[in-house]
Amino acid sequence: MKEFKIKVNGRTYVVLVGDTSHSPIAVTVNGEVYHVELTQEGASAAQVAPAAPPAPPAAGAEPVDRAPVHNGNRITAPMPGKILEVLVKVGDSISYGDEICILEAMKMQQSIRAPRAGVVKGIGCAPGQSVAYGHLLIELG
């Protein structure tokens, strides 16, 4: 891993960048792990950008993976909608990419996946509940 100190709007961030020879790359910013894609073939670490969102599915397609909004240990709703299913319980160990709940938004099912590994410390939603953008879904310990 390479360590960089980056200053953005007067705030300093410690950034650790993993192996850039293949995508996705593990990038740690102040202790928070993100998985990013290179913006172009052969890009250097300075040219790393977050992965582009997936294209919307056709009507009747399988559930779409939607990246949750997360801040530290809090995984929050990426959009307003209704919780169809919660697939974890307090105490469960989860890994990066594990499906944690299913959110229905605009008549489409969105599979919410874990942005990092951890242990479920709390659940802030229930099946049938309407949630707003940013509503706490899962808290990790």
N, C-alpha and C. Protein backbone atom coordinates (compact mmCIF):
# COMPACT_ATOMS: atom_id res chain seq x y z
N MET A 1 0.84 -1.19 0.00
CA MET A 1 0.00 0.00 0.00
C MET A 1 0.88 1.24 0.00
N LYS A 2 0.46 2.25 -0.75
CA LYS A 2 1.13 3.54 -0.75
C LYS A 2 0.30 4.50 0.07
N GLU A 3 0.97 5.31 0.88
CA GLU A 3 0.26 6.28 1.71
C GLU A 3 0.45 7.68 1.14
N PHE A 4 -0.66 8.41 1.07
CA PHE A 4 -0.65 9.80 0.61
C PHE A 4 -1.38 10.64 1.65
N LYS A 5 -0.95 11.89 1.80
CA LYS A 5 -1.70 12.86 2.59
C LYS A 5 -2.22 13.87 1.59
N ILE A 6 -3.55 13.98 1.52
CA ILE A 6 -4.20 14.84 0.53
C ILE A 6 -4.99 15.91 1.27
N LYS A 7 -4.86 17.15 0.83
CA LYS A 7 -5.58 18.25 1.44
C LYS A 7 -6.69 18.69 0.49
N VAL A 8 -7.95 18.67 0.97
CA VAL A 8 -9.11 19.08 0.19
C VAL A 8 -9.87 20.12 1.00
N ASN A 9 -10.04 21.30 0.44
CA ASN A 9 -10.74 22.39 1.13
C ASN A 9 -10.22 22.61 2.55
N GLY A 10 -8.91 22.57 2.71
CA GLY A 10 -8.30 22.83 4.01
C GLY A 10 -8.29 21.64 4.96
N ARG A 11 -8.88 20.52 4.59
CA ARG A 11 -8.92 19.34 5.46
C ARG A 11 -7.96 18.29 4.91
N THR A 12 -7.12 17.72 5.79
CA THR A 12 -6.14 16.72 5.37
C THR A 12 -6.71 15.33 5.55
N TYR A 13 -6.51 14.49 4.54
CA TYR A 13 -6.95 13.10 4.55
C TYR A 13 -5.73 12.20 4.37
N VAL A 14 -5.68 11.12 5.14
CA VAL A 14 -4.65 10.10 4.95
C VAL A 14 -5.26 9.04 4.04
N VAL A 15 -4.63 8.81 2.90
CA VAL A 15 -5.17 7.89 1.89
C VAL A 15 -4.15 6.79 1.63
N LEU A 16 -4.59 5.55 1.78
CA LEU A 16 -3.76 4.39 1.46
C LEU A 16 -4.31 3.77 0.18
N VAL A 17 -3.46 3.61 -0.82
CA VAL A 17 -3.88 3.08 -2.11
C VAL A 17 -3.24 1.71 -2.30
N GLY A 18 -4.08 0.71 -2.58
CA GLY A 18 -3.61 -0.66 -2.80
C GLY A 18 -3.00 -0.85 -4.17
N ASP A 19 -2.86 -2.09 -4.57
CA ASP A 19 -2.26 -2.48 -5.84
C ASP A 19 -3.03 -1.87 -7.01
N THR A 20 -2.36 -1.06 -7.82
CA THR A 20 -3.03 -0.40 -8.96
C THR A 20 -2.87 -1.17 -10.26
N SER A 21 -2.35 -2.41 -10.18
CA SER A 21 -2.17 -3.18 -11.41
C SER A 21 -3.46 -3.80 -11.91
N HIS A 22 -4.51 -3.80 -11.07
CA HIS A 22 -5.80 -4.34 -11.50
C HIS A 22 -6.92 -3.62 -10.74
N SER A 23 -8.12 -3.68 -11.30
CA SER A 23 -9.30 -3.04 -10.69
C SER A 23 -10.22 -4.11 -10.15
N PRO A 24 -11.00 -3.86 -9.12
CA PRO A 24 -11.03 -2.63 -8.34
C PRO A 24 -9.83 -2.53 -7.40
N ILE A 25 -9.58 -1.33 -6.94
CA ILE A 25 -8.47 -1.05 -6.04
C ILE A 25 -9.05 -0.73 -4.67
N ALA A 26 -8.43 -1.27 -3.63
CA ALA A 26 -8.83 -0.92 -2.27
C ALA A 26 -8.14 0.39 -1.91
N VAL A 27 -8.94 1.39 -1.56
CA VAL A 27 -8.43 2.69 -1.15
C VAL A 27 -8.99 2.98 0.23
N THR A 28 -8.12 3.29 1.17
CA THR A 28 -8.54 3.60 2.53
C THR A 28 -8.34 5.09 2.76
N VAL A 29 -9.44 5.77 3.15
CA VAL A 29 -9.39 7.21 3.42
C VAL A 29 -9.75 7.40 4.88
N ASN A 30 -8.78 7.87 5.67
CA ASN A 30 -8.98 8.06 7.12
C ASN A 30 -9.64 6.84 7.77
N GLY A 31 -9.19 5.65 7.40
CA GLY A 31 -9.68 4.42 8.02
C GLY A 31 -10.89 3.80 7.35
N GLU A 32 -11.53 4.47 6.42
CA GLU A 32 -12.71 3.96 5.71
C GLU A 32 -12.28 3.36 4.38
N VAL A 33 -12.65 2.10 4.11
CA VAL A 33 -12.22 1.41 2.90
C VAL A 33 -13.24 1.62 1.78
N TYR A 34 -12.74 1.98 0.60
CA TYR A 34 -13.55 2.13 -0.60
C TYR A 34 -12.94 1.24 -1.68
N HIS A 35 -13.78 0.71 -2.55
CA HIS A 35 -13.30 -0.07 -3.69
C HIS A 35 -13.60 0.76 -4.93
N VAL A 36 -12.56 1.11 -5.66
CA VAL A 36 -12.69 2.02 -6.80
C VAL A 36 -12.17 1.36 -8.07
N GLU A 37 -12.62 1.87 -9.20
CA GLU A 37 -12.18 1.40 -10.51
C GLU A 37 -11.24 2.43 -11.12
N LEU A 38 -10.29 1.98 -11.93
CA LEU A 38 -9.43 2.91 -12.65
C LEU A 38 -10.24 3.60 -13.73
N THR A 39 -9.95 4.87 -13.99
CA THR A 39 -10.70 5.62 -14.99
C THR A 39 -10.28 5.27 -16.41
N GLN A 40 -9.06 4.75 -16.57
CA GLN A 40 -8.59 4.35 -17.89
C GLN A 40 -7.54 3.26 -17.76
N GLU A 41 -7.32 2.51 -18.81
CA GLU A 41 -6.33 1.44 -18.82
C GLU A 41 -4.96 2.02 -18.53
N GLY A 42 -4.24 1.40 -17.60
CA GLY A 42 -2.89 1.84 -17.28
C GLY A 42 -2.82 3.10 -16.45
N ALA A 43 -3.92 3.52 -15.84
CA ALA A 43 -3.93 4.74 -15.04
C ALA A 43 -3.07 4.56 -13.81
N SER A 44 -2.53 5.66 -13.34
CA SER A 44 -1.73 5.61 -12.11
C SER A 44 -2.64 5.87 -10.92
N ALA A 45 -2.10 5.72 -9.72
CA ALA A 45 -2.89 5.91 -8.50
C ALA A 45 -3.49 7.31 -8.45
N ALA A 46 -2.84 8.29 -9.04
CA ALA A 46 -3.35 9.66 -9.01
C ALA A 46 -4.59 9.82 -9.87
N GLN A 47 -4.89 8.84 -10.73
CA GLN A 47 -6.03 8.94 -11.64
C GLN A 47 -7.18 8.03 -11.23
N VAL A 48 -7.24 7.65 -9.96
CA VAL A 48 -8.29 6.75 -9.48
C VAL A 48 -9.57 7.53 -9.26
N ALA A 49 -10.70 6.95 -9.65
CA ALA A 49 -12.00 7.57 -9.45
C ALA A 49 -13.00 6.50 -9.03
N PRO A 50 -14.07 6.88 -8.30
CA PRO A 50 -15.08 5.89 -7.91
C PRO A 50 -15.70 5.23 -9.14
N ALA A 51 -16.14 3.99 -8.97
CA ALA A 51 -16.78 3.26 -10.06
C ALA A 51 -18.05 3.96 -10.50
N ALA A 52 -18.32 3.91 -11.79
CA ALA A 52 -19.54 4.51 -12.33
C ALA A 52 -20.74 3.69 -11.88
N PRO A 53 -21.90 4.34 -11.67
CA PRO A 53 -23.08 3.59 -11.27
C PRO A 53 -23.56 2.69 -12.41
N PRO A 54 -24.21 1.56 -12.08
CA PRO A 54 -24.67 0.66 -13.12
C PRO A 54 -25.81 1.27 -13.93
N ALA A 55 -25.95 0.81 -15.17
CA ALA A 55 -27.05 1.28 -16.01
C ALA A 55 -28.37 0.77 -15.45
N PRO A 56 -29.46 1.52 -15.60
CA PRO A 56 -30.74 1.04 -15.08
C PRO A 56 -31.20 -0.22 -15.82
N PRO A 57 -31.83 -1.17 -15.10
CA PRO A 57 -32.25 -2.42 -15.72
C PRO A 57 -33.53 -2.25 -16.53
N ALA A 58 -33.77 -3.20 -17.41
CA ALA A 58 -35.02 -3.22 -18.17
C ALA A 58 -36.16 -3.60 -17.23
N ALA A 59 -37.38 -3.26 -17.61
CA ALA A 59 -38.55 -3.60 -16.80
C ALA A 59 -38.61 -5.11 -16.58
N GLY A 60 -38.90 -5.52 -15.35
CA GLY A 60 -39.00 -6.94 -15.02
C GLY A 60 -37.67 -7.63 -14.82
N ALA A 61 -36.58 -6.86 -14.81
CA ALA A 61 -35.25 -7.45 -14.64
C ALA A 61 -35.01 -7.84 -13.19
N GLU A 62 -33.95 -8.58 -12.96
CA GLU A 62 -33.55 -8.98 -11.61
C GLU A 62 -33.26 -7.73 -10.78
N PRO A 63 -33.26 -7.85 -9.43
CA PRO A 63 -32.93 -6.71 -8.58
C PRO A 63 -31.58 -6.11 -8.95
N VAL A 64 -31.48 -4.80 -8.82
CA VAL A 64 -30.26 -4.07 -9.15
C VAL A 64 -29.46 -3.85 -7.88
N ASP A 65 -28.14 -4.01 -7.96
CA ASP A 65 -27.29 -3.68 -6.82
C ASP A 65 -27.14 -2.17 -6.76
N ARG A 66 -27.39 -1.60 -5.62
CA ARG A 66 -27.28 -0.16 -5.44
C ARG A 66 -26.30 0.07 -4.30
N ALA A 67 -25.30 0.87 -4.53
CA ALA A 67 -24.32 1.12 -3.47
C ALA A 67 -24.97 1.92 -2.36
N PRO A 68 -24.87 1.42 -1.14
CA PRO A 68 -25.43 2.18 -0.03
C PRO A 68 -24.56 3.39 0.27
N VAL A 69 -25.17 4.36 0.89
CA VAL A 69 -24.43 5.50 1.38
C VAL A 69 -23.87 5.06 2.73
N HIS A 70 -22.61 5.29 2.96
CA HIS A 70 -22.06 4.89 4.26
C HIS A 70 -21.11 5.94 4.78
N ASN A 71 -21.13 6.06 6.10
CA ASN A 71 -20.27 7.01 6.78
C ASN A 71 -19.77 6.30 8.02
N GLY A 72 -18.54 5.84 7.98
CA GLY A 72 -18.01 5.09 9.11
C GLY A 72 -18.74 3.78 9.27
N ASN A 73 -19.44 3.63 10.39
CA ASN A 73 -20.14 2.39 10.68
C ASN A 73 -21.60 2.42 10.29
N ARG A 74 -22.08 3.51 9.72
CA ARG A 74 -23.50 3.66 9.39
C ARG A 74 -23.73 3.41 7.90
N ILE A 75 -24.60 2.46 7.57
CA ILE A 75 -24.99 2.21 6.18
C ILE A 75 -26.40 2.78 6.04
N THR A 76 -26.56 3.72 5.13
CA THR A 76 -27.84 4.42 5.00
C THR A 76 -28.45 4.23 3.62
N ALA A 77 -29.72 4.56 3.51
CA ALA A 77 -30.46 4.38 2.26
C ALA A 77 -29.92 5.28 1.15
N PRO A 78 -29.65 4.71 -0.03
CA PRO A 78 -29.14 5.50 -1.15
C PRO A 78 -30.22 6.30 -1.86
N MET A 79 -31.49 6.04 -1.49
CA MET A 79 -32.63 6.73 -2.12
C MET A 79 -33.86 6.45 -1.27
N PRO A 80 -34.90 7.24 -1.41
CA PRO A 80 -36.14 6.95 -0.68
C PRO A 80 -36.80 5.69 -1.25
N GLY A 81 -37.49 4.97 -0.40
CA GLY A 81 -38.18 3.77 -0.85
C GLY A 81 -38.79 3.01 0.31
N LYS A 82 -39.14 1.77 0.04
CA LYS A 82 -39.76 0.91 1.04
C LYS A 82 -38.89 -0.33 1.22
N ILE A 83 -38.62 -0.69 2.47
CA ILE A 83 -37.82 -1.88 2.77
C ILE A 83 -38.68 -3.11 2.52
N LEU A 84 -38.23 -3.99 1.63
CA LEU A 84 -38.96 -5.23 1.36
C LEU A 84 -38.47 -6.36 2.25
N GLU A 85 -37.16 -6.39 2.50
CA GLU A 85 -36.60 -7.50 3.26
C GLU A 85 -35.30 -7.05 3.92
N VAL A 86 -35.09 -7.47 5.16
CA VAL A 86 -33.82 -7.26 5.86
C VAL A 86 -33.18 -8.64 5.97
N LEU A 87 -31.98 -8.79 5.44
CA LEU A 87 -31.35 -10.10 5.31
C LEU A 87 -30.29 -10.39 6.37
N VAL A 88 -30.11 -9.48 7.32
CA VAL A 88 -29.13 -9.68 8.38
C VAL A 88 -29.80 -9.45 9.73
N LYS A 89 -29.13 -9.88 10.79
CA LYS A 89 -29.63 -9.60 12.13
C LYS A 89 -28.46 -9.16 13.00
N VAL A 90 -28.76 -8.56 14.13
CA VAL A 90 -27.72 -8.09 15.03
C VAL A 90 -26.81 -9.26 15.40
N GLY A 91 -25.51 -9.02 15.33
CA GLY A 91 -24.53 -10.05 15.64
C GLY A 91 -23.97 -10.78 14.44
N ASP A 92 -24.63 -10.65 13.27
CA ASP A 92 -24.14 -11.31 12.06
C ASP A 92 -22.82 -10.68 11.61
N SER A 93 -21.89 -11.51 11.18
CA SER A 93 -20.66 -11.04 10.53
C SER A 93 -20.94 -10.95 9.05
N ILE A 94 -20.62 -9.81 8.44
CA ILE A 94 -20.85 -9.64 7.01
C ILE A 94 -19.54 -9.29 6.32
N SER A 95 -19.46 -9.56 5.05
CA SER A 95 -18.28 -9.27 4.23
C SER A 95 -18.64 -8.22 3.20
N TYR A 96 -17.61 -7.60 2.64
CA TYR A 96 -17.81 -6.64 1.56
C TYR A 96 -18.66 -7.29 0.46
N GLY A 97 -19.71 -6.62 0.04
CA GLY A 97 -20.54 -7.12 -1.05
C GLY A 97 -21.71 -7.98 -0.64
N ASP A 98 -21.78 -8.38 0.64
CA ASP A 98 -22.92 -9.20 1.09
C ASP A 98 -24.21 -8.39 0.97
N GLU A 99 -25.27 -9.05 0.55
CA GLU A 99 -26.58 -8.41 0.46
C GLU A 99 -27.11 -8.24 1.89
N ILE A 100 -27.49 -7.00 2.24
CA ILE A 100 -27.96 -6.74 3.61
C ILE A 100 -29.46 -6.46 3.67
N CYS A 101 -30.02 -5.88 2.61
CA CYS A 101 -31.46 -5.68 2.57
C CYS A 101 -31.89 -5.38 1.14
N ILE A 102 -33.21 -5.40 0.94
CA ILE A 102 -33.77 -5.09 -0.38
C ILE A 102 -34.71 -3.91 -0.22
N LEU A 103 -34.47 -2.89 -1.02
CA LEU A 103 -35.23 -1.66 -1.00
C LEU A 103 -36.01 -1.54 -2.31
N GLU A 104 -37.30 -1.22 -2.21
CA GLU A 104 -38.08 -0.99 -3.42
C GLU A 104 -38.17 0.52 -3.62
N ALA A 105 -37.76 0.96 -4.81
CA ALA A 105 -37.81 2.37 -5.15
C ALA A 105 -38.28 2.49 -6.59
N MET A 106 -39.26 3.30 -6.82
CA MET A 106 -39.81 3.51 -8.16
C MET A 106 -40.19 2.19 -8.82
N LYS A 107 -40.82 1.30 -8.05
CA LYS A 107 -41.31 0.00 -8.51
C LYS A 107 -40.20 -0.94 -8.95
N MET A 108 -38.97 -0.68 -8.49
CA MET A 108 -37.84 -1.56 -8.80
C MET A 108 -37.19 -1.99 -7.49
N GLN A 109 -36.76 -3.25 -7.43
CA GLN A 109 -36.08 -3.76 -6.25
C GLN A 109 -34.59 -3.43 -6.34
N GLN A 110 -34.06 -2.84 -5.28
CA GLN A 110 -32.65 -2.47 -5.21
C GLN A 110 -32.00 -3.34 -4.13
N SER A 111 -31.02 -4.12 -4.52
CA SER A 111 -30.29 -4.96 -3.56
C SER A 111 -29.22 -4.10 -2.92
N ILE A 112 -29.31 -3.88 -1.61
CA ILE A 112 -28.35 -3.07 -0.89
C ILE A 112 -27.27 -4.01 -0.36
N ARG A 113 -26.02 -3.73 -0.70
CA ARG A 113 -24.90 -4.60 -0.33
C ARG A 113 -23.94 -3.87 0.61
N ALA A 114 -23.25 -4.65 1.43
CA ALA A 114 -22.33 -4.10 2.41
C ALA A 114 -21.14 -3.43 1.72
N PRO A 115 -20.83 -2.19 2.09
CA PRO A 115 -19.68 -1.49 1.51
C PRO A 115 -18.36 -1.90 2.14
N ARG A 116 -18.43 -2.66 3.24
CA ARG A 116 -17.23 -3.16 3.91
C ARG A 116 -17.61 -4.32 4.82
N ALA A 117 -16.61 -5.02 5.30
CA ALA A 117 -16.84 -6.11 6.24
C ALA A 117 -17.08 -5.54 7.64
N GLY A 118 -17.78 -6.31 8.46
CA GLY A 118 -18.02 -5.89 9.84
C GLY A 118 -19.02 -6.80 10.51
N VAL A 119 -19.40 -6.42 11.71
CA VAL A 119 -20.40 -7.16 12.48
C VAL A 119 -21.60 -6.23 12.65
N VAL A 120 -22.81 -6.75 12.41
CA VAL A 120 -24.02 -5.94 12.52
C VAL A 120 -24.25 -5.59 13.99
N LYS A 121 -24.19 -4.30 14.28
CA LYS A 121 -24.37 -3.81 15.65
C LYS A 121 -25.82 -3.38 15.89
N GLY A 122 -26.46 -2.87 14.84
CA GLY A 122 -27.84 -2.42 14.97
C GLY A 122 -28.54 -2.40 13.63
N ILE A 123 -29.86 -2.47 13.66
CA ILE A 123 -30.68 -2.43 12.44
C ILE A 123 -31.67 -1.29 12.61
N GLY A 124 -31.69 -0.39 11.63
CA GLY A 124 -32.54 0.80 11.72
C GLY A 124 -33.73 0.78 10.78
N CYS A 125 -34.09 -0.40 10.28
CA CYS A 125 -35.22 -0.49 9.36
C CYS A 125 -35.89 -1.85 9.55
N ALA A 126 -37.10 -1.96 9.00
CA ALA A 126 -37.86 -3.20 9.09
C ALA A 126 -38.64 -3.39 7.80
N PRO A 127 -38.95 -4.64 7.44
CA PRO A 127 -39.76 -4.88 6.24
C PRO A 127 -41.07 -4.09 6.29
N GLY A 128 -41.41 -3.47 5.15
CA GLY A 128 -42.63 -2.68 5.06
C GLY A 128 -42.43 -1.21 5.42
N GLN A 129 -41.30 -0.86 6.00
CA GLN A 129 -41.04 0.51 6.42
C GLN A 129 -40.63 1.38 5.25
N SER A 130 -41.18 2.59 5.18
CA SER A 130 -40.73 3.58 4.20
C SER A 130 -39.54 4.31 4.77
N VAL A 131 -38.52 4.51 3.94
CA VAL A 131 -37.31 5.20 4.38
C VAL A 131 -37.00 6.34 3.42
N ALA A 132 -36.38 7.37 3.95
CA ALA A 132 -35.93 8.52 3.16
C ALA A 132 -34.47 8.32 2.80
N TYR A 133 -33.98 9.10 1.85
CA TYR A 133 -32.56 9.10 1.52
C TYR A 133 -31.78 9.37 2.81
N GLY A 134 -30.74 8.57 3.07
CA GLY A 134 -29.90 8.77 4.24
C GLY A 134 -30.40 8.13 5.51
N HIS A 135 -31.56 7.47 5.47
CA HIS A 135 -32.10 6.80 6.66
C HIS A 135 -31.16 5.66 7.06
N LEU A 136 -30.87 5.51 8.35
CA LEU A 136 -30.00 4.44 8.82
C LEU A 136 -30.64 3.09 8.54
N LEU A 137 -29.91 2.24 7.81
CA LEU A 137 -30.37 0.87 7.54
C LEU A 137 -29.68 -0.10 8.50
N ILE A 138 -28.36 -0.06 8.51
CA ILE A 138 -27.57 -1.00 9.32
C ILE A 138 -26.41 -0.23 9.95
N GLU A 139 -26.13 -0.56 11.20
CA GLU A 139 -24.94 0.00 11.86
C GLU A 139 -23.99 -1.15 12.11
N LEU A 140 -22.72 -0.95 11.71
CA LEU A 140 -21.70 -1.96 11.89
C LEU A 140 -20.84 -1.64 13.09
N GLY A 141 -20.35 -2.70 13.73
CA GLY A 141 -19.44 -2.52 14.87
C GLY A 141 -18.05 -2.86 14.48
